[in-house]
Amino acid sequence: MLKNIGTIDRSARTIVGIGLLALVFIGPQTPWGWIGIIPLATAMMGRCPAYSFIGLNTCRRKP
């Protein structure tokens, strides 16, 4: 699998994912916070299936 997520994008996804997961444990304690797993998983893998589908690549390295 080729990476298609750059450093800034990965950092943003990590912050958003942690923020959303915090909604499950802290704050309003809503189950919608579990959606935060998606940005965290894509940040950890370095690959976003949606980016592949639309042909977007934020990674500086050539695939």
C-alpha atoms as a PDB file:
ATOM      1  CA  MET A   1       0.000   0.000   0.000  1.00  0.00           C
ATOM      2  CA  LEU A   2       1.345   3.369  -0.987  1.00  0.00           C
ATOM      3  CA  LYS A   3       1.062   6.264   1.435  1.00  0.00           C
ATOM      4  CA  ASN A   4      -1.031   9.209   0.309  1.00  0.00           C
ATOM      5  CA  ILE A   5      -1.193  11.319   3.491  1.00  0.00           C
ATOM      6  CA  GLY A   6       1.473  13.939   4.207  1.00  0.00           C
ATOM      7  CA  THR A   7       2.896  15.036   7.561  1.00  0.00           C
ATOM      8  CA  ILE A   8       0.615  18.018   8.132  1.00  0.00           C
ATOM      9  CA  ASP A   9      -2.429  15.990   7.110  1.00  0.00           C
ATOM     10  CA  ARG A  10      -1.440  13.172   9.479  1.00  0.00           C
ATOM     11  CA  SER A  11      -1.004  15.608  12.357  1.00  0.00           C
ATOM     12  CA  ALA A  12      -4.397  17.196  11.706  1.00  0.00           C
ATOM     13  CA  ARG A  13      -6.089  13.792  11.518  1.00  0.00           C
ATOM     14  CA  THR A  14      -4.481  12.738  14.799  1.00  0.00           C
ATOM     15  CA  ILE A  15      -5.634  15.893  16.583  1.00  0.00           C
ATOM     16  CA  VAL A  16      -9.171  15.618  15.182  1.00  0.00           C
ATOM     17  CA  GLY A  17      -9.354  11.905  16.026  1.00  0.00           C
ATOM     18  CA  ILE A  18      -8.247  12.434  19.612  1.00  0.00           C
ATOM     19  CA  GLY A  19     -10.662  15.347  19.938  1.00  0.00           C
ATOM     20  CA  LEU A  20     -13.577  13.266  18.705  1.00  0.00           C
ATOM     21  CA  LEU A  21     -12.689  10.322  20.932  1.00  0.00           C
ATOM     22  CA  ALA A  22     -12.565  12.703  23.880  1.00  0.00           C
ATOM     23  CA  LEU A  23     -16.294  13.286  23.311  1.00  0.00           C
ATOM     24  CA  VAL A  24     -16.889   9.668  24.322  1.00  0.00           C
ATOM     25  CA  PHE A  25     -15.077   9.889  27.661  1.00  0.00           C
ATOM     26  CA  ILE A  26     -15.070  13.611  28.519  1.00  0.00           C
ATOM     27  CA  GLY A  27     -17.636  16.280  27.834  1.00  0.00           C
ATOM     28  CA  PRO A  28     -21.068  15.381  26.484  1.00  0.00           C
ATOM     29  CA  GLN A  29     -20.202  11.644  26.388  1.00  0.00           C
ATOM     30  CA  THR A  30     -21.883  11.098  23.056  1.00  0.00           C
ATOM     31  CA  PRO A  31     -21.379   7.883  21.047  1.00  0.00           C
ATOM     32  CA  TRP A  32     -20.721   9.995  17.917  1.00  0.00           C
ATOM     33  CA  GLY A  33     -17.196  10.456  19.248  1.00  0.00           C
ATOM     34  CA  TRP A  34     -16.322   6.922  18.137  1.00  0.00           C
ATOM     35  CA  ILE A  35     -16.097   8.343  14.605  1.00  0.00           C
ATOM     36  CA  GLY A  36     -12.692   9.625  15.779  1.00  0.00           C
ATOM     37  CA  ILE A  37     -11.301   6.131  15.210  1.00  0.00           C
ATOM     38  CA  ILE A  38     -11.426   6.707  11.445  1.00  0.00           C
ATOM     39  CA  PRO A  39      -9.074   9.719  11.287  1.00  0.00           C
ATOM     40  CA  LEU A  40      -6.768   8.085  13.841  1.00  0.00           C
ATOM     41  CA  ALA A  41      -6.588   4.852  11.851  1.00  0.00           C
ATOM     42  CA  THR A  42      -5.907   6.621   8.568  1.00  0.00           C
ATOM     43  CA  ALA A  43      -3.223   8.753  10.234  1.00  0.00           C
ATOM     44  CA  MET A  44      -1.536   5.650  11.645  1.00  0.00           C
ATOM     45  CA  MET A  45      -1.637   3.835   8.289  1.00  0.00           C
ATOM     46  CA  GLY A  46      -0.640   6.905   6.300  1.00  0.00           C
ATOM     47  CA  ARG A  47      -3.253   6.025   3.729  1.00  0.00           C
ATOM     48  CA  CYS A  48      -6.765   7.326   3.158  1.00  0.00           C
ATOM     49  CA  PRO A  49      -9.117   5.245   0.998  1.00  0.00           C
ATOM     50  CA  ALA A  50     -11.180   8.336   0.145  1.00  0.00           C
ATOM     51  CA  TYR A  51      -8.052  10.112  -1.142  1.00  0.00           C
ATOM     52  CA  SER A  52      -7.283   7.102  -3.334  1.00  0.00           C
ATOM     53  CA  PHE A  53     -10.805   7.149  -4.724  1.00  0.00           C
ATOM     54  CA  ILE A  54     -10.655  10.813  -5.754  1.00  0.00           C
ATOM     55  CA  GLY A  55      -6.967  10.738  -6.720  1.00  0.00           C
ATOM     56  CA  LEU A  56      -5.675  13.114  -4.027  1.00  0.00           C
ATOM     57  CA  ASN A  57      -2.180  12.775  -2.574  1.00  0.00           C
ATOM     58  CA  THR A  58      -0.789  15.071   0.141  1.00  0.00           C
ATOM     59  CA  CYS A  59       2.400  13.054   0.646  1.00  0.00           C
ATOM     60  CA  ARG A  60       5.545  14.693  -0.732  1.00  0.00           C
ATOM     61  CA  ARG A  61       7.146  11.384  -1.622  1.00  0.00           C
ATOM     62  CA  LYS A  62       6.473  10.039  -5.067  1.00  0.00           C
ATOM     63  CA  PRO A  63       4.433   6.805  -4.951  1.00  0.00           C
END
